[in-house]
Amino acid sequence: MARSQLRERLREATSEAHERLHHHDGFAAVAAGAISLPLYRRLLARLLGFHSAFEAALARRVDIGRGLGLTDRVRTPLLEADLRTLGMEPETIARLPRHCWRGRLDSDAWLMGALYVVEGSTLGGVHIARALKPLFASDGSEGRRFFLGYGDSNGAMWRAFLSRVDDGSWSASDEDEMVAGAVATFADFEDWMGEWNARPARALAAT
């Protein structure tokens, strides 16, 4: 699929943040398969805080989800399942810190930019899931569900999303908002994940 001018803008605007996340100590460790299970659990706990907040916000704009075919694109249950596999009790999961997502809900274009970031993360997740395989005794998905994402459908679902970006319905101001949404969401995610290794006093006290 040829890259459209709008997608090129999105890629260029987020490239620096994307590169920084490659060097994030938690993501770099999981990508190398060099993270301990306790630290991996903390990373997943932090990811849960972000994704659960984002998906809750998006659910309030169910119309855009339906229009994009995104109503089934939720990953919070995958994170919760992985944390249970790693020995975290449901009561502890429920007490984990949640991000306070402050993104815009009044602009379809802004939300599309946010989704560009969140949906795009599924592509690299497959490589991380492969690197994590030695940490688990089973060859199944247990403990790696989040990074496996939509499984064999990852590529097709990403292309379906891009087709909405490329459908020509966005005005010039919409395109600006889409880029702004992507940049802001990357910054928000970076800020939230910066404290991934801070031990929540109550939620993780017994883990």
Protein backbone atom coordinates (compact mmCIF):
# COMPACT_ATOMS: atom_id res chain seq x y z
CA MET A 1 0.00 0.00 0.00
CA ALA A 2 1.53 3.30 -1.07
CA ARG A 3 1.99 5.77 1.76
CA SER A 4 -0.30 8.76 1.42
CA GLN A 5 0.78 12.33 2.09
CA LEU A 6 -1.26 12.37 5.31
CA ARG A 7 0.32 9.16 6.54
CA GLU A 8 3.73 10.57 5.72
CA ARG A 9 2.91 13.61 7.86
CA LEU A 10 1.83 11.34 10.72
CA ARG A 11 4.96 9.24 10.41
CA GLU A 12 7.30 12.24 10.33
CA ALA A 13 5.55 14.02 13.21
CA THR A 14 5.83 10.98 15.49
CA SER A 15 9.16 9.54 14.35
CA GLU A 16 11.25 11.04 17.16
CA ALA A 17 8.87 9.83 19.88
CA HIS A 18 8.72 6.44 18.23
CA GLU A 19 12.51 6.20 18.23
CA ARG A 20 12.71 7.24 21.88
CA LEU A 21 10.32 4.46 22.85
CA HIS A 22 12.65 1.95 21.20
CA HIS A 23 15.19 3.00 23.83
CA HIS A 24 12.73 3.03 26.75
CA ASP A 25 14.38 0.72 29.29
CA GLY A 26 11.30 -1.45 29.77
CA PHE A 27 10.44 -1.86 26.09
CA ALA A 28 14.08 -2.38 25.15
CA ALA A 29 14.35 -5.13 27.75
CA VAL A 30 11.24 -6.99 26.59
CA ALA A 31 12.25 -6.62 22.93
CA ALA A 32 15.58 -8.24 23.79
CA GLY A 33 13.91 -10.96 25.88
CA ALA A 34 16.06 -9.75 28.77
CA ILE A 35 13.45 -8.68 31.30
CA SER A 36 12.67 -10.52 34.52
CA LEU A 37 9.14 -11.72 35.16
CA PRO A 38 8.62 -9.30 38.11
CA LEU A 39 9.68 -6.34 35.98
CA TYR A 40 7.63 -7.58 33.03
CA ARG A 41 4.62 -7.65 35.33
CA ARG A 42 5.25 -4.02 36.30
CA LEU A 43 5.51 -3.03 32.65
CA LEU A 44 2.19 -4.70 31.86
CA ALA A 45 0.59 -3.05 34.90
CA ARG A 46 1.64 0.36 33.61
CA LEU A 47 0.40 -0.43 30.10
CA LEU A 48 -2.93 -1.44 31.59
CA GLY A 49 -3.25 1.97 33.22
CA PHE A 50 -2.88 3.71 29.88
CA HIS A 51 -4.93 1.42 27.66
CA SER A 52 -7.84 1.06 30.06
CA ALA A 53 -8.14 4.85 30.29
CA PHE A 54 -7.89 5.30 26.53
CA GLU A 55 -10.43 2.60 25.75
CA ALA A 56 -12.86 3.96 28.35
CA ALA A 57 -12.62 7.39 26.71
CA LEU A 58 -13.06 5.95 23.23
CA ALA A 59 -16.12 4.01 24.40
CA ARG A 60 -17.79 7.34 25.10
CA ARG A 61 -17.45 8.05 21.38
CA VAL A 62 -18.90 4.74 20.26
CA ASP A 63 -19.98 6.31 16.97
CA ILE A 64 -16.41 6.71 15.75
CA GLY A 65 -15.63 3.17 16.86
CA ARG A 66 -18.48 1.80 14.80
CA GLY A 67 -17.60 3.93 11.82
CA LEU A 68 -14.04 2.62 11.84
CA GLY A 69 -14.90 -0.95 12.70
CA LEU A 70 -13.00 -0.51 15.95
CA THR A 71 -15.62 -1.67 18.43
CA ASP A 72 -13.77 -4.97 18.97
CA ARG A 73 -10.30 -3.45 19.14
CA VAL A 74 -9.88 -3.52 22.89
CA ARG A 75 -6.70 -4.77 24.53
CA THR A 76 -7.40 -4.16 28.21
CA PRO A 77 -8.74 -7.73 28.69
CA LEU A 78 -5.52 -9.07 27.15
CA LEU A 79 -3.42 -7.14 29.66
CA GLU A 80 -5.58 -8.32 32.53
CA ALA A 81 -5.27 -11.93 31.37
CA ASP A 82 -1.48 -11.61 31.11
CA LEU A 83 -1.26 -10.17 34.61
CA ARG A 84 -3.35 -13.04 35.98
CA THR A 85 -1.01 -15.49 34.21
CA LEU A 86 1.87 -13.77 36.01
CA GLY A 87 0.19 -14.37 39.35
CA MET A 88 -1.58 -11.08 40.00
CA GLU A 89 -4.94 -11.43 41.70
CA PRO A 90 -8.00 -9.72 40.13
CA GLU A 91 -8.39 -7.56 43.25
CA THR A 92 -4.83 -6.31 42.85
CA ILE A 93 -5.35 -5.63 39.15
CA ALA A 94 -8.42 -3.56 39.97
CA ARG A 95 -6.34 -1.37 42.31
CA LEU A 96 -3.57 -0.63 39.82
CA PRO A 97 -3.08 3.06 38.92
CA ARG A 98 -5.11 4.25 35.95
CA HIS A 99 -4.06 7.05 33.65
CA CYS A 100 -6.22 10.15 33.48
CA TRP A 101 -6.60 10.48 29.72
CA ARG A 102 -7.11 14.11 28.70
CA GLY A 103 -7.38 13.71 24.95
CA ARG A 104 -10.09 15.36 22.91
CA LEU A 105 -13.39 13.57 22.41
CA ASP A 106 -15.04 16.27 20.30
CA SER A 107 -12.96 15.73 17.16
CA ASP A 108 -13.02 12.61 14.99
CA ALA A 109 -9.76 13.68 13.35
CA TRP A 110 -7.97 14.16 16.69
CA LEU A 111 -9.13 10.72 17.83
CA MET A 112 -7.94 9.21 14.57
CA GLY A 113 -4.50 10.61 15.33
CA ALA A 114 -4.62 9.03 18.78
CA LEU A 115 -5.70 5.73 17.25
CA TYR A 116 -2.82 5.94 14.78
CA VAL A 117 -0.50 5.66 17.77
CA VAL A 118 -2.43 3.01 19.72
CA GLU A 119 -3.27 0.78 16.76
CA GLY A 120 0.19 1.13 15.27
CA SER A 121 1.72 -0.36 18.41
CA THR A 122 0.27 -3.78 17.51
CA LEU A 123 2.77 -4.17 14.67
CA GLY A 124 5.90 -4.07 16.81
CA GLY A 125 4.19 -6.02 19.56
CA VAL A 126 4.42 -9.26 17.59
CA HIS A 127 8.24 -9.07 17.60
CA ILE A 128 8.22 -8.42 21.34
CA ALA A 129 5.95 -11.41 21.90
CA ARG A 130 8.42 -13.65 20.08
CA ALA A 131 11.29 -12.34 22.17
CA LEU A 132 9.33 -13.06 25.37
CA LYS A 133 8.67 -16.69 24.47
CA PRO A 134 11.65 -18.08 26.45
CA LEU A 135 10.20 -16.60 29.66
CA PHE A 136 7.26 -18.99 29.56
CA ALA A 137 7.16 -22.76 29.75
CA SER A 138 4.28 -23.02 27.29
CA ASP A 139 4.36 -22.28 23.58
CA GLY A 140 0.88 -20.76 23.89
CA SER A 141 -0.09 -17.12 24.20
CA GLU A 142 -0.27 -17.10 28.01
CA GLY A 143 1.56 -14.09 29.40
CA ARG A 144 2.06 -12.61 25.91
CA ARG A 145 -1.53 -11.94 24.80
CA PHE A 146 -1.20 -8.16 24.83
CA PHE A 147 1.85 -8.07 22.59
CA LEU A 148 0.40 -10.68 20.27
CA GLY A 149 -2.49 -8.26 19.80
CA TYR A 150 -4.92 -9.43 17.15
CA GLY A 151 -2.67 -12.32 16.15
CA ASP A 152 -2.72 -13.21 12.48
CA SER A 153 -5.15 -10.33 11.88
CA ASN A 154 -2.71 -7.59 12.98
CA GLY A 155 -1.66 -6.65 9.46
CA ALA A 156 -5.15 -6.73 7.98
CA MET A 157 -6.62 -4.66 10.80
CA TRP A 158 -3.85 -2.09 10.50
CA ARG A 159 -4.42 -1.81 6.75
CA ALA A 160 -8.15 -1.38 7.37
CA PHE A 161 -7.38 1.47 9.73
CA LEU A 162 -5.03 3.10 7.23
CA SER A 163 -7.69 2.90 4.54
CA ARG A 164 -9.84 5.15 6.74
CA VAL A 165 -6.94 7.58 7.11
CA ASP A 166 -6.53 7.58 3.32
CA ASP A 167 -10.18 7.80 2.28
CA GLY A 168 -9.98 11.45 1.27
CA SER A 169 -12.74 12.65 3.58
CA TRP A 170 -10.48 14.77 5.78
CA SER A 171 -10.20 18.53 5.30
CA ALA A 172 -6.91 20.38 5.68
CA SER A 173 -7.86 21.39 9.23
CA ASP A 174 -8.85 17.79 9.97
CA GLU A 175 -5.43 16.62 8.86
CA ASP A 176 -3.77 19.15 11.16
CA GLU A 177 -5.90 17.88 14.05
CA MET A 178 -5.07 14.27 13.24
CA VAL A 179 -1.35 15.02 13.38
CA ALA A 180 -1.85 16.96 16.62
CA GLY A 181 -3.74 14.03 18.13
CA ALA A 182 -0.98 11.59 17.23
CA VAL A 183 1.77 13.83 18.63
CA ALA A 184 -0.15 14.51 21.85
CA THR A 185 -0.96 10.84 22.39
CA PHE A 186 2.66 9.80 21.92
CA ALA A 187 3.73 12.47 24.43
CA ASP A 188 1.05 11.35 26.87
CA PHE A 189 2.11 7.72 26.54
CA GLU A 190 5.79 8.56 26.96
CA ASP A 191 5.06 10.55 30.10
CA TRP A 192 2.92 7.80 31.61
CA MET A 193 5.36 5.00 30.79
CA GLY A 194 8.28 6.96 32.21
CA GLU A 195 7.34 5.73 35.68
CA TRP A 196 6.70 2.12 34.73
CA ASN A 197 9.15 0.79 37.29
CA ALA A 198 7.86 2.81 40.24
CA ARG A 199 6.36 0.36 42.72
CA PRO A 200 2.74 1.29 43.61
CA ALA A 201 2.75 1.02 47.39
CA ARG A 202 -0.61 -0.67 47.84
CA ALA A 203 -1.43 -2.39 44.56
CA LEU A 204 1.87 -4.25 44.21
CA ALA A 205 2.80 -4.62 47.85
CA ALA A 206 2.07 -8.33 47.86
CA THR A 207 3.34 -9.19 44.37
